[in-house]
Amino acid sequence: MNSDTIKLKLKRIDPVKYATVATLVYLLILLIVYVPIILLASLVGGFSDIGAGAAMLGGGILGVIFMIIFLGIFVFIITLIACSLLNFILKKTDGIDIDFEKAGLNISQIGEDRGIEK
């Protein structure tokens, strides 16, 4: 290992924080991809015989709202379970070795306020 490499060990991940971040990322992607598709499908479906029934139920907007809530809860729970399993496996296997490369800062300098130098 050369002097520009820092060896750290991943021992644990906070399941709730990880599940929250993963859920927010998933929902953002869902909003970018799913919402336009559902709204376009509801527009096209409005010209068919079932269009009146779909309009009474709120059309695509109601579907988008329910899908975002349902999938948000589902992804959070699944990610929480997966992260808890990962922590269990990390505990049994003594963690994962991760190599980082030095990029101009010491590990002790990470997180310091590095405002404008005087």
PDB file of N, CA and C in Angstrom:
ATOM      1  N   MET A   1       0.849  -1.170   0.000  1.00  0.00           N
ATOM      2  CA  MET A   1       0.000   0.000   0.000  1.00  0.00           C
ATOM      3  C   MET A   1       0.897   1.237   0.000  1.00  0.00           C
ATOM      4  N   ASN A   2       0.633   2.163  -0.910  1.00  0.00           N
ATOM      5  CA  ASN A   2       1.472   3.355  -0.982  1.00  0.00           C
ATOM      6  C   ASN A   2       1.040   4.380   0.068  1.00  0.00           C
ATOM      7  N   SER A   3       1.830   5.452   0.222  1.00  0.00           N
ATOM      8  CA  SER A   3       1.576   6.439   1.278  1.00  0.00           C
ATOM      9  C   SER A   3       0.377   7.328   0.970  1.00  0.00           C
ATOM     10  N   ASP A   4      -0.143   7.296  -0.242  1.00  0.00           N
ATOM     11  CA  ASP A   4      -1.296   8.115  -0.588  1.00  0.00           C
ATOM     12  C   ASP A   4      -2.625   7.399  -0.339  1.00  0.00           C
ATOM     13  N   THR A   5      -2.578   6.229   0.269  1.00  0.00           N
ATOM     14  CA  THR A   5      -3.785   5.452   0.502  1.00  0.00           C
ATOM     15  C   THR A   5      -4.074   5.362   1.993  1.00  0.00           C
ATOM     16  N   ILE A   6      -5.335   5.603   2.357  1.00  0.00           N
ATOM     17  CA  ILE A   6      -5.783   5.475   3.747  1.00  0.00           C
ATOM     18  C   ILE A   6      -6.693   4.261   3.811  1.00  0.00           C
ATOM     19  N   LYS A   7      -6.422   3.365   4.729  1.00  0.00           N
ATOM     20  CA  LYS A   7      -7.226   2.148   4.872  1.00  0.00           C
ATOM     21  C   LYS A   7      -8.193   2.331   6.036  1.00  0.00           C
ATOM     22  N   LEU A   8      -9.489   2.232   5.746  1.00  0.00           N
ATOM     23  CA  LEU A   8     -10.528   2.330   6.763  1.00  0.00           C
ATOM     24  C   LEU A   8     -11.378   1.072   6.712  1.00  0.00           C
ATOM     25  N   LYS A   9     -12.131   0.844   7.766  1.00  0.00           N
ATOM     26  CA  LYS A   9     -12.982  -0.344   7.827  1.00  0.00           C
ATOM     27  C   LYS A   9     -14.412   0.097   8.090  1.00  0.00           C
ATOM     28  N   LEU A  10     -15.334  -0.339   7.238  1.00  0.00           N
ATOM     29  CA  LEU A  10     -16.756  -0.084   7.423  1.00  0.00           C
ATOM     30  C   LEU A  10     -17.295  -1.118   8.393  1.00  0.00           C
ATOM     31  N   LYS A  11     -17.769  -0.644   9.550  1.00  0.00           N
ATOM     32  CA  LYS A  11     -18.261  -1.558  10.581  1.00  0.00           C
ATOM     33  C   LYS A  11     -19.779  -1.501  10.738  1.00  0.00           C
ATOM     34  N   ARG A  12     -20.377  -0.339  10.471  1.00  0.00           N
ATOM     35  CA  ARG A  12     -21.814  -0.192  10.677  1.00  0.00           C
ATOM     36  C   ARG A  12     -22.343   0.973   9.873  1.00  0.00           C
ATOM     37  N   ILE A  13     -23.601   0.857   9.433  1.00  0.00           N
ATOM     38  CA  ILE A  13     -24.319   1.924   8.744  1.00  0.00           C
ATOM     39  C   ILE A  13     -25.605   2.169   9.534  1.00  0.00           C
ATOM     40  N   ASP A  14     -25.955   3.427   9.754  1.00  0.00           N
ATOM     41  CA  ASP A  14     -27.195   3.747  10.455  1.00  0.00           C
ATOM     42  C   ASP A  14     -28.380   3.407   9.546  1.00  0.00           C
ATOM     43  N   PRO A  15     -29.175   2.394   9.894  1.00  0.00           N
ATOM     44  CA  PRO A  15     -30.251   1.945   9.009  1.00  0.00           C
ATOM     45  C   PRO A  15     -31.302   3.005   8.713  1.00  0.00           C
ATOM     46  N   VAL A  16     -31.687   3.800   9.702  1.00  0.00           N
ATOM     47  CA  VAL A  16     -32.742   4.790   9.480  1.00  0.00           C
ATOM     48  C   VAL A  16     -32.258   5.908   8.562  1.00  0.00           C
ATOM     49  N   LYS A  17     -31.038   6.389   8.791  1.00  0.00           N
ATOM     50  CA  LYS A  17     -30.504   7.442   7.918  1.00  0.00           C
ATOM     51  C   LYS A  17     -30.316   6.929   6.497  1.00  0.00           C
ATOM     52  N   TYR A  18     -29.780   5.714   6.373  1.00  0.00           N
ATOM     53  CA  TYR A  18     -29.562   5.147   5.042  1.00  0.00           C
ATOM     54  C   TYR A  18     -30.891   4.918   4.330  1.00  0.00           C
ATOM     55  N   ALA A  19     -31.880   4.398   5.054  1.00  0.00           N
ATOM     56  CA  ALA A  19     -33.196   4.168   4.450  1.00  0.00           C
ATOM     57  C   ALA A  19     -33.846   5.483   4.047  1.00  0.00           C
ATOM     58  N   THR A  20     -33.666   6.523   4.844  1.00  0.00           N
ATOM     59  CA  THR A  20     -34.226   7.831   4.507  1.00  0.00           C
ATOM     60  C   THR A  20     -33.596   8.384   3.232  1.00  0.00           C
ATOM     61  N   VAL A  21     -32.278   8.332   3.156  1.00  0.00           N
ATOM     62  CA  VAL A  21     -31.583   8.835   1.969  1.00  0.00           C
ATOM     63  C   VAL A  21     -31.958   8.014   0.735  1.00  0.00           C
ATOM     64  N   ALA A  22     -31.957   6.688   0.853  1.00  0.00           N
ATOM     65  CA  ALA A  22     -32.298   5.829  -0.286  1.00  0.00           C
ATOM     66  C   ALA A  22     -33.730   6.067  -0.747  1.00  0.00           C
ATOM     67  N   THR A  23     -34.653   6.266   0.190  1.00  0.00           N
ATOM     68  CA  THR A  23     -36.044   6.515  -0.166  1.00  0.00           C
ATOM     69  C   THR A  23     -36.197   7.852  -0.876  1.00  0.00           C
ATOM     70  N   LEU A  24     -35.527   8.881  -0.389  1.00  0.00           N
ATOM     71  CA  LEU A  24     -35.621  10.190  -1.037  1.00  0.00           C
ATOM     72  C   LEU A  24     -35.031  10.169  -2.443  1.00  0.00           C
ATOM     73  N   VAL A  25     -33.920   9.475  -2.619  1.00  0.00           N
ATOM     74  CA  VAL A  25     -33.326   9.353  -3.955  1.00  0.00           C
ATOM     75  C   VAL A  25     -34.274   8.597  -4.881  1.00  0.00           C
ATOM     76  N   TYR A  26     -34.841   7.501  -4.391  1.00  0.00           N
ATOM     77  CA  TYR A  26     -35.773   6.706  -5.193  1.00  0.00           C
ATOM     78  C   TYR A  26     -37.004   7.520  -5.569  1.00  0.00           C
ATOM     79  N   LEU A  27     -37.563   8.266  -4.610  1.00  0.00           N
ATOM     80  CA  LEU A  27     -38.759   9.055  -4.898  1.00  0.00           C
ATOM     81  C   LEU A  27     -38.464  10.189  -5.874  1.00  0.00           C
ATOM     82  N   LEU A  28     -37.279  10.767  -5.802  1.00  0.00           N
ATOM     83  CA  LEU A  28     -36.912  11.808  -6.760  1.00  0.00           C
ATOM     84  C   LEU A  28     -36.842  11.239  -8.176  1.00  0.00           C
ATOM     85  N   ILE A  29     -36.221  10.073  -8.310  1.00  0.00           N
ATOM     86  CA  ILE A  29     -36.172   9.411  -9.618  1.00  0.00           C
ATOM     87  C   ILE A  29     -37.579   9.041 -10.070  1.00  0.00           C
ATOM     88  N   LEU A  30     -38.402   8.576  -9.139  1.00  0.00           N
ATOM     89  CA  LEU A  30     -39.788   8.209  -9.442  1.00  0.00           C
ATOM     90  C   LEU A  30     -40.558   9.419  -9.957  1.00  0.00           C
ATOM     91  N   LEU A  31     -40.372  10.571  -9.319  1.00  0.00           N
ATOM     92  CA  LEU A  31     -41.065  11.779  -9.768  1.00  0.00           C
ATOM     93  C   LEU A  31     -40.624  12.199 -11.158  1.00  0.00           C
ATOM     94  N   ILE A  32     -39.351  12.048 -11.444  1.00  0.00           N
ATOM     95  CA  ILE A  32     -38.839  12.448 -12.751  1.00  0.00           C
ATOM     96  C   ILE A  32     -39.330  11.515 -13.850  1.00  0.00           C
ATOM     97  N   VAL A  33     -39.418  10.214 -13.563  1.00  0.00           N
ATOM     98  CA  VAL A  33     -39.764   9.225 -14.590  1.00  0.00           C
ATOM     99  C   VAL A  33     -41.256   8.880 -14.566  1.00  0.00           C
ATOM    100  N   TYR A  34     -41.796   8.594 -13.389  1.00  0.00           N
ATOM    101  CA  TYR A  34     -43.143   8.040 -13.262  1.00  0.00           C
ATOM    102  C   TYR A  34     -44.239   9.074 -13.512  1.00  0.00           C
ATOM    103  N   VAL A  35     -44.088  10.264 -12.960  1.00  0.00           N
ATOM    104  CA  VAL A  35     -45.145  11.275 -13.068  1.00  0.00           C
ATOM    105  C   VAL A  35     -45.467  11.619 -14.520  1.00  0.00           C
ATOM    106  N   PRO A  36     -44.478  11.922 -15.358  1.00  0.00           N
ATOM    107  CA  PRO A  36     -44.836  12.231 -16.751  1.00  0.00           C
ATOM    108  C   PRO A  36     -45.499  11.047 -17.477  1.00  0.00           C
ATOM    109  N   ILE A  37     -45.052   9.839 -17.180  1.00  0.00           N
ATOM    110  CA  ILE A  37     -45.638   8.666 -17.842  1.00  0.00           C
ATOM    111  C   ILE A  37     -47.095   8.487 -17.420  1.00  0.00           C
ATOM    112  N   ILE A  38     -47.383   8.602 -16.136  1.00  0.00           N
ATOM    113  CA  ILE A  38     -48.756   8.441 -15.647  1.00  0.00           C
ATOM    114  C   ILE A  38     -49.661   9.550 -16.170  1.00  0.00           C
ATOM    115  N   LEU A  39     -49.169  10.778 -16.162  1.00  0.00           N
ATOM    116  CA  LEU A  39     -49.993  11.869 -16.657  1.00  0.00           C
ATOM    117  C   LEU A  39     -50.264  11.729 -18.154  1.00  0.00           C
ATOM    118  N   LEU A  40     -49.279  11.281 -18.911  1.00  0.00           N
ATOM    119  CA  LEU A  40     -49.483  11.044 -20.343  1.00  0.00           C
ATOM    120  C   LEU A  40     -50.453   9.895 -20.569  1.00  0.00           C
ATOM    121  N   ALA A  41     -50.318   8.830 -19.770  1.00  0.00           N
ATOM    122  CA  ALA A  41     -51.229   7.692 -19.901  1.00  0.00           C
ATOM    123  C   ALA A  41     -52.654   8.082 -19.529  1.00  0.00           C
ATOM    124  N   SER A  42     -52.820   8.939 -18.529  1.00  0.00           N
ATOM    125  CA  SER A  42     -54.175   9.356 -18.159  1.00  0.00           C
ATOM    126  C   SER A  42     -54.765  10.268 -19.224  1.00  0.00           C
ATOM    127  N   LEU A  43     -53.936  11.046 -19.881  1.00  0.00           N
ATOM    128  CA  LEU A  43     -54.418  11.886 -20.972  1.00  0.00           C
ATOM    129  C   LEU A  43     -54.892  11.027 -22.138  1.00  0.00           C
ATOM    130  N   VAL A  44     -54.102  10.027 -22.485  1.00  0.00           N
ATOM    131  CA  VAL A  44     -54.477   9.119 -23.573  1.00  0.00           C
ATOM    132  C   VAL A  44     -55.684   8.284 -23.169  1.00  0.00           C
ATOM    133  N   GLY A  45     -55.740   7.842 -21.899  1.00  0.00           N
ATOM    134  CA  GLY A  45     -56.861   7.037 -21.419  1.00  0.00           C
ATOM    135  C   GLY A  45     -58.154   7.825 -21.343  1.00  0.00           C
ATOM    136  N   GLY A  46     -58.072   9.148 -21.291  1.00  0.00           N
ATOM    137  CA  GLY A  46     -59.267   9.981 -21.251  1.00  0.00           C
ATOM    138  C   GLY A  46     -60.084   9.904 -22.514  1.00  0.00           C
ATOM    139  N   PHE A  47     -59.480   9.445 -23.584  1.00  0.00           N
ATOM    140  CA  PHE A  47     -60.187   9.336 -24.855  1.00  0.00           C
ATOM    141  C   PHE A  47     -60.860   7.982 -25.037  1.00  0.00           C
ATOM    142  N   SER A  48     -60.686   7.084 -24.062  1.00  0.00           N
ATOM    143  CA  SER A  48     -61.286   5.757 -24.177  1.00  0.00           C
ATOM    144  C   SER A  48     -62.594   5.692 -23.393  1.00  0.00           C
ATOM    145  N   ASP A  49     -63.247   4.547 -23.394  1.00  0.00           N
ATOM    146  CA  ASP A  49     -64.525   4.380 -22.708  1.00  0.00           C
ATOM    147  C   ASP A  49     -64.390   4.443 -21.194  1.00  0.00           C
ATOM    148  N   ILE A  50     -63.236   4.073 -20.653  1.00  0.00           N
ATOM    149  CA  ILE A  50     -63.073   4.089 -19.191  1.00  0.00           C
ATOM    150  C   ILE A  50     -62.600   5.443 -18.692  1.00  0.00           C
ATOM    151  N   GLY A  51     -62.471   6.396 -19.586  1.00  0.00           N
ATOM    152  CA  GLY A  51     -61.984   7.724 -19.211  1.00  0.00           C
ATOM    153  C   GLY A  51     -62.855   8.410 -18.186  1.00  0.00           C
ATOM    154  N   ALA A  52     -64.194   8.258 -18.277  1.00  0.00           N
ATOM    155  CA  ALA A  52     -65.088   8.915 -17.324  1.00  0.00           C
ATOM    156  C   ALA A  52     -64.913   8.329 -15.926  1.00  0.00           C
ATOM    157  N   GLY A  53     -64.769   7.027 -15.834  1.00  0.00           N
ATOM    158  CA  GLY A  53     -64.560   6.392 -14.534  1.00  0.00           C
ATOM    159  C   GLY A  53     -63.238   6.806 -13.917  1.00  0.00           C
ATOM    160  N   ALA A  54     -62.216   6.892 -14.733  1.00  0.00           N
ATOM    161  CA  ALA A  54     -60.909   7.309 -14.235  1.00  0.00           C
ATOM    162  C   ALA A  54     -60.940   8.769 -13.792  1.00  0.00           C
ATOM    163  N   ALA A  55     -61.691   9.593 -14.508  1.00  0.00           N
ATOM    164  CA  ALA A  55     -61.787  11.001 -14.143  1.00  0.00           C
ATOM    165  C   ALA A  55     -62.507  11.170 -12.809  1.00  0.00           C
ATOM    166  N   MET A  56     -63.519  10.326 -12.531  1.00  0.00           N
ATOM    167  CA  MET A  56     -64.228  10.402 -11.265  1.00  0.00           C
ATOM    168  C   MET A  56     -63.301  10.049 -10.102  1.00  0.00           C
ATOM    169  N   LEU A  57     -62.352   9.191 -10.327  1.00  0.00           N
ATOM    170  CA  LEU A  57     -61.412   8.786  -9.283  1.00  0.00           C
ATOM    171  C   LEU A  57     -60.216   9.726  -9.164  1.00  0.00           C
ATOM    172  N   GLY A  58     -60.185  10.775  -9.928  1.00  0.00           N
ATOM    173  CA  GLY A  58     -59.095  11.738  -9.846  1.00  0.00           C
ATOM    174  C   GLY A  58     -58.075  11.588 -10.944  1.00  0.00           C
ATOM    175  N   GLY A  59     -58.250  10.611 -11.797  1.00  0.00           N
ATOM    176  CA  GLY A  59     -57.345  10.427 -12.916  1.00  0.00           C
ATOM    177  C   GLY A  59     -55.932  10.095 -12.485  1.00  0.00           C
ATOM    178  N   GLY A  60     -54.986  10.550 -13.264  1.00  0.00           N
ATOM    179  CA  GLY A  60     -53.584  10.226 -13.035  1.00  0.00           C
ATOM    180  C   GLY A  60     -52.985  10.894 -11.820  1.00  0.00           C
ATOM    181  N   ILE A  61     -53.491  12.053 -11.442  1.00  0.00           N
ATOM    182  CA  ILE A  61     -52.930  12.781 -10.302  1.00  0.00           C
ATOM    183  C   ILE A  61     -53.119  11.980  -9.013  1.00  0.00           C
ATOM    184  N   LEU A  62     -54.311  11.436  -8.817  1.00  0.00           N
ATOM    185  CA  LEU A  62     -54.566  10.633  -7.623  1.00  0.00           C
ATOM    186  C   LEU A  62     -53.684   9.381  -7.622  1.00  0.00           C
ATOM    187  N   GLY A  63     -53.514   8.775  -8.793  1.00  0.00           N
ATOM    188  CA  GLY A  63     -52.637   7.615  -8.911  1.00  0.00           C
ATOM    189  C   GLY A  63     -51.203   7.954  -8.562  1.00  0.00           C
ATOM    190  N   VAL A  64     -50.746   9.113  -9.000  1.00  0.00           N
ATOM    191  CA  VAL A  64     -49.379   9.548  -8.694  1.00  0.00           C
ATOM    192  C   VAL A  64     -49.210   9.743  -7.189  1.00  0.00           C
ATOM    193  N   ILE A  65     -50.178  10.379  -6.558  1.00  0.00           N
ATOM    194  CA  ILE A  65     -50.079  10.637  -5.115  1.00  0.00           C
ATOM    195  C   ILE A  65     -50.057   9.324  -4.338  1.00  0.00           C
ATOM    196  N   PHE A  66     -50.991   8.410  -4.650  1.00  0.00           N
ATOM    197  CA  PHE A  66     -51.016   7.135  -3.941  1.00  0.00           C
ATOM    198  C   PHE A  66     -49.760   6.312  -4.208  1.00  0.00           C
ATOM    199  N   MET A  67     -49.267   6.339  -5.443  1.00  0.00           N
ATOM    200  CA  MET A  67     -48.086   5.554  -5.778  1.00  0.00           C
ATOM    201  C   MET A  67     -46.851   6.094  -5.060  1.00  0.00           C
ATOM    202  N   ILE A  68     -46.729   7.409  -4.960  1.00  0.00           N
ATOM    203  CA  ILE A  68     -45.580   8.004  -4.274  1.00  0.00           C
ATOM    204  C   ILE A  68     -45.611   7.640  -2.789  1.00  0.00           C
ATOM    205  N   ILE A  69     -46.781   7.726  -2.174  1.00  0.00           N
ATOM    206  CA  ILE A  69     -46.891   7.387  -0.754  1.00  0.00           C
ATOM    207  C   ILE A  69     -46.612   5.899  -0.542  1.00  0.00           C
ATOM    208  N   PHE A  70     -47.263   5.050  -1.337  1.00  0.00           N
ATOM    209  CA  PHE A  70     -47.104   3.604  -1.193  1.00  0.00           C
ATOM    210  C   PHE A  70     -45.655   3.179  -1.438  1.00  0.00           C
ATOM    211  N   LEU A  71     -45.075   3.634  -2.542  1.00  0.00           N
ATOM    212  CA  LEU A  71     -43.696   3.231  -2.853  1.00  0.00           C
ATOM    213  C   LEU A  71     -42.693   3.836  -1.875  1.00  0.00           C
ATOM    214  N   GLY A  72     -42.947   5.044  -1.385  1.00  0.00           N
ATOM    215  CA  GLY A  72     -42.054   5.640  -0.396  1.00  0.00           C
ATOM    216  C   GLY A  72     -41.987   4.802   0.869  1.00  0.00           C
ATOM    217  N   ILE A  73     -43.138   4.389   1.362  1.00  0.00           N
ATOM    218  CA  ILE A  73     -43.186   3.545   2.558  1.00  0.00           C
ATOM    219  C   ILE A  73     -42.536   2.188   2.280  1.00  0.00           C
ATOM    220  N   PHE A  74     -42.849   1.603   1.135  1.00  0.00           N
ATOM    221  CA  PHE A  74     -42.315   0.289   0.760  1.00  0.00           C
ATOM    222  C   PHE A  74     -40.790   0.329   0.651  1.00  0.00           C
ATOM    223  N   VAL A  75     -40.252   1.315  -0.051  1.00  0.00           N
ATOM    224  CA  VAL A  75     -38.799   1.415  -0.232  1.00  0.00           C
ATOM    225  C   VAL A  75     -38.114   1.664   1.108  1.00  0.00           C
ATOM    226  N   PHE A  76     -38.711   2.495   1.965  1.00  0.00           N
ATOM    227  CA  PHE A  76     -38.115   2.763   3.272  1.00  0.00           C
ATOM    228  C   PHE A  76     -38.017   1.479   4.095  1.00  0.00           C
ATOM    229  N   ILE A  77     -39.095   0.710   4.140  1.00  0.00           N
ATOM    230  CA  ILE A  77     -39.103  -0.522   4.934  1.00  0.00           C
ATOM    231  C   ILE A  77     -38.109  -1.545   4.383  1.00  0.00           C
ATOM    232  N   ILE A  78     -38.105  -1.741   3.068  1.00  0.00           N
ATOM    233  CA  ILE A  78     -37.184  -2.709   2.456  1.00  0.00           C
ATOM    234  C   ILE A  78     -35.730  -2.284   2.679  1.00  0.00           C
ATOM    235  N   THR A  79     -35.427  -0.996   2.529  1.00  0.00           N
ATOM    236  CA  THR A  79     -34.061  -0.521   2.732  1.00  0.00           C
ATOM    237  C   THR A  79     -33.655  -0.630   4.196  1.00  0.00           C
ATOM    238  N   LEU A  80     -34.578  -0.377   5.097  1.00  0.00           N
ATOM    239  CA  LEU A  80     -34.307  -0.520   6.525  1.00  0.00           C
ATOM    240  C   LEU A  80     -33.958  -1.968   6.861  1.00  0.00           C
ATOM    241  N   ILE A  81     -34.708  -2.904   6.314  1.00  0.00           N
ATOM    242  CA  ILE A  81     -34.433  -4.329   6.546  1.00  0.00           C
ATOM    243  C   ILE A  81     -33.088  -4.721   5.929  1.00  0.00           C
ATOM    244  N   ALA A  82     -32.848  -4.267   4.693  1.00  0.00           N
ATOM    245  CA  ALA A  82     -31.592  -4.605   4.010  1.00  0.00           C
ATOM    246  C   ALA A  82     -30.386  -4.044   4.763  1.00  0.00           C
ATOM    247  N   CYS A  83     -30.489  -2.822   5.259  1.00  0.00           N
ATOM    248  CA  CYS A  83     -29.369  -2.214   5.981  1.00  0.00           C
ATOM    249  C   CYS A  83     -29.148  -2.909   7.326  1.00  0.00           C
ATOM    250  N   SER A  84     -30.223  -3.320   7.978  1.00  0.00           N
ATOM    251  CA  SER A  84     -30.080  -4.065   9.231  1.00  0.00           C
ATOM    252  C   SER A  84     -29.402  -5.408   8.981  1.00  0.00           C
ATOM    253  N   LEU A  85     -29.764  -6.073   7.895  1.00  0.00           N
ATOM    254  CA  LEU A  85     -29.090  -7.322   7.532  1.00  0.00           C
ATOM    255  C   LEU A  85     -27.621  -7.076   7.209  1.00  0.00           C
ATOM    256  N   LEU A  86     -27.341  -5.983   6.513  1.00  0.00           N
ATOM    257  CA  LEU A  86     -25.954  -5.634   6.200  1.00  0.00           C
ATOM    258  C   LEU A  86     -25.163  -5.421   7.488  1.00  0.00           C
ATOM    259  N   ASN A  87     -25.729  -4.708   8.450  1.00  0.00           N
ATOM    260  CA  ASN A  87     -25.039  -4.498   9.727  1.00  0.00           C
ATOM    261  C   ASN A  87     -24.791  -5.808  10.455  1.00  0.00           C
ATOM    262  N   PHE A  88     -25.746  -6.722  10.409  1.00  0.00           N
ATOM    263  CA  PHE A  88     -25.573  -8.038  11.027  1.00  0.00           C
ATOM    264  C   PHE A  88     -24.411  -8.785  10.370  1.00  0.00           C
ATOM    265  N   ILE A  89     -24.357  -8.763   9.043  1.00  0.00           N
ATOM    266  CA  ILE A  89     -23.286  -9.453   8.311  1.00  0.00           C
ATOM    267  C   ILE A  89     -21.944  -8.778   8.560  1.00  0.00           C
ATOM    268  N   LEU A  90     -21.927  -7.433   8.591  1.00  0.00           N
ATOM    269  CA  LEU A  90     -20.683  -6.721   8.881  1.00  0.00           C
ATOM    270  C   LEU A  90     -20.155  -7.080  10.269  1.00  0.00           C
ATOM    271  N   LYS A  91     -21.058  -7.225  11.229  1.00  0.00           N
ATOM    272  CA  LYS A  91     -20.648  -7.586  12.590  1.00  0.00           C
ATOM    273  C   LYS A  91     -20.045  -8.991  12.624  1.00  0.00           C
ATOM    274  N   LYS A  92     -20.651  -9.930  11.885  1.00  0.00           N
ATOM    275  CA  LYS A  92     -20.169 -11.317  11.878  1.00  0.00           C
ATOM    276  C   LYS A  92     -18.861 -11.478  11.094  1.00  0.00           C
ATOM    277  N   THR A  93     -18.637 -10.629  10.093  1.00  0.00           N
ATOM    278  CA  THR A  93     -17.449 -10.769   9.240  1.00  0.00           C
ATOM    279  C   THR A  93     -16.364  -9.749   9.550  1.00  0.00           C
ATOM    280  N   ASP A  94     -16.541  -8.982  10.638  1.00  0.00           N
ATOM    281  CA  ASP A  94     -15.554  -7.988  11.061  1.00  0.00           C
ATOM    282  C   ASP A  94     -15.400  -6.840  10.071  1.00  0.00           C
ATOM    283  N   GLY A  95     -16.455  -6.476   9.381  1.00  0.00           N
ATOM    284  CA  GLY A  95     -16.450  -5.282   8.537  1.00  0.00           C
ATOM    285  C   GLY A  95     -15.876  -5.491   7.151  1.00  0.00           C
ATOM    286  N   ILE A  96     -15.865  -4.391   6.400  1.00  0.00           N
ATOM    287  CA  ILE A  96     -15.334  -4.371   5.033  1.00  0.00           C
ATOM    288  C   ILE A  96     -14.180  -3.378   4.996  1.00  0.00           C
ATOM    289  N   ASP A  97     -13.040  -3.819   4.493  1.00  0.00           N
ATOM    290  CA  ASP A  97     -11.899  -2.914   4.331  1.00  0.00           C
ATOM    291  C   ASP A  97     -12.135  -2.028   3.118  1.00  0.00           C
ATOM    292  N   ILE A  98     -11.946  -0.726   3.327  1.00  0.00           N
ATOM    293  CA  ILE A  98     -12.126   0.242   2.248  1.00  0.00           C
ATOM    294  C   ILE A  98     -10.856   1.066   2.149  1.00  0.00           C
ATOM    295  N   ASP A  99     -10.315   1.191   0.960  1.00  0.00           N
ATOM    296  CA  ASP A  99      -9.124   2.003   0.728  1.00  0.00           C
ATOM    297  C   ASP A  99      -9.544   3.343   0.136  1.00  0.00           C
ATOM    298  N   PHE A 100      -9.059   4.425   0.739  1.00  0.00           N
ATOM    299  CA  PHE A 100      -9.288   5.771   0.232  1.00  0.00           C
ATOM    300  C   PHE A 100      -7.960   6.360  -0.196  1.00  0.00           C
ATOM    301  N   GLU A 101      -7.999   7.213  -1.185  1.00  0.00           N
ATOM    302  CA  GLU A 101      -6.798   7.881  -1.647  1.00  0.00           C
ATOM    303  C   GLU A 101      -6.771   9.293  -1.078  1.00  0.00           C
ATOM    304  N   LYS A 102      -5.614   9.717  -0.601  1.00  0.00           N
ATOM    305  CA  LYS A 102      -5.472  11.076  -0.080  1.00  0.00           C
ATOM    306  C   LYS A 102      -5.664  12.063  -1.227  1.00  0.00           C
ATOM    307  N   ALA A 103      -6.417  13.129  -0.943  1.00  0.00           N
ATOM    308  CA  ALA A 103      -6.690  14.116  -1.983  1.00  0.00           C
ATOM    309  C   ALA A 103      -6.397  15.527  -1.491  1.00  0.00           C
ATOM    310  N   GLY A 104      -5.329  15.692  -0.750  1.00  0.00           N
ATOM    311  CA  GLY A 104      -4.920  17.018  -0.322  1.00  0.00           C
ATOM    312  C   GLY A 104      -5.292  17.363   1.114  1.00  0.00           C
ATOM    313  N   LEU A 105      -6.179  16.605   1.738  1.00  0.00           N
ATOM    314  CA  LEU A 105      -6.557  16.848   3.126  1.00  0.00           C
ATOM    315  C   LEU A 105      -6.211  15.630   3.964  1.00  0.00           C
ATOM    316  N   ASN A 106      -5.833  15.880   5.209  1.00  0.00           N
ATOM    317  CA  ASN A 106      -5.681  14.779   6.149  1.00  0.00           C
ATOM    318  C   ASN A 106      -7.060  14.359   6.615  1.00  0.00           C
ATOM    319  N   ILE A 107      -7.181  13.154   7.097  1.00  0.00           N
ATOM    320  CA  ILE A 107      -8.474  12.654   7.565  1.00  0.00           C
ATOM    321  C   ILE A 107      -8.992  13.520   8.713  1.00  0.00           C
ATOM    322  N   SER A 108      -8.108  14.111   9.501  1.00  0.00           N
ATOM    323  CA  SER A 108      -8.522  14.953  10.628  1.00  0.00           C
ATOM    324  C   SER A 108      -9.059  16.304  10.161  1.00  0.00           C
ATOM    325  N   GLN A 109      -8.791  16.695   8.922  1.00  0.00           N
ATOM    326  CA  GLN A 109      -9.242  17.985   8.411  1.00  0.00           C
ATOM    327  C   GLN A 109     -10.625  17.912   7.770  1.00  0.00           C
ATOM    328  N   ILE A 110     -11.154  16.722   7.582  1.00  0.00           N
ATOM    329  CA  ILE A 110     -12.457  16.579   6.947  1.00  0.00           C
ATOM    330  C   ILE A 110     -13.520  17.130   7.870  1.00  0.00           C
ATOM    331  N   GLY A 111     -14.377  17.975   7.351  1.00  0.00           N
ATOM    332  CA  GLY A 111     -15.456  18.566   8.119  1.00  0.00           C
ATOM    333  C   GLY A 111     -15.118  19.905   8.744  1.00  0.00           C
ATOM    334  N   GLU A 112     -13.859  20.327   8.662  1.00  0.00           N
ATOM    335  CA  GLU A 112     -13.489  21.630   9.204  1.00  0.00           C
ATOM    336  C   GLU A 112     -14.036  22.725   8.314  1.00  0.00           C
ATOM    337  N   ASP A 113     -14.305  23.891   8.923  1.00  0.00           N
ATOM    338  CA  ASP A 113     -14.753  25.046   8.153  1.00  0.00           C
ATOM    339  C   ASP A 113     -13.554  25.608   7.403  1.00  0.00           C
ATOM    340  N   ARG A 114     -13.592  25.497   6.109  1.00  0.00           N
ATOM    341  CA  ARG A 114     -12.464  25.943   5.299  1.00  0.00           C
ATOM    342  C   ARG A 114     -12.890  27.162   4.502  1.00  0.00           C
ATOM    343  N   GLY A 115     -13.299  28.213   5.245  1.00  0.00           N
ATOM    344  CA  GLY A 115     -13.754  29.456   4.624  1.00  0.00           C
ATOM    345  C   GLY A 115     -12.610  30.165   3.905  1.00  0.00           C
ATOM    346  N   ILE A 116     -12.847  31.396   3.539  1.00  0.00           N
ATOM    347  CA  ILE A 116     -11.845  32.190   2.806  1.00  0.00           C
ATOM    348  C   ILE A 116     -10.656  32.456   3.733  1.00  0.00           C
ATOM    349  N   GLU A 117      -9.499  32.087   3.243  1.00  0.00           N
ATOM    350  CA  GLU A 117      -8.262  32.288   4.003  1.00  0.00           C
ATOM    351  C   GLU A 117      -7.935  33.768   4.010  1.00  0.00           C
ATOM    352  N   LYS A 118      -7.448  34.268   5.150  1.00  0.00           N
ATOM    353  CA  LYS A 118      -7.073  35.686   5.240  1.00  0.00           C
ATOM    354  C   LYS A 118      -5.610  35.876   4.956  1.00  0.00           C
TER     355      LYS A 118
END
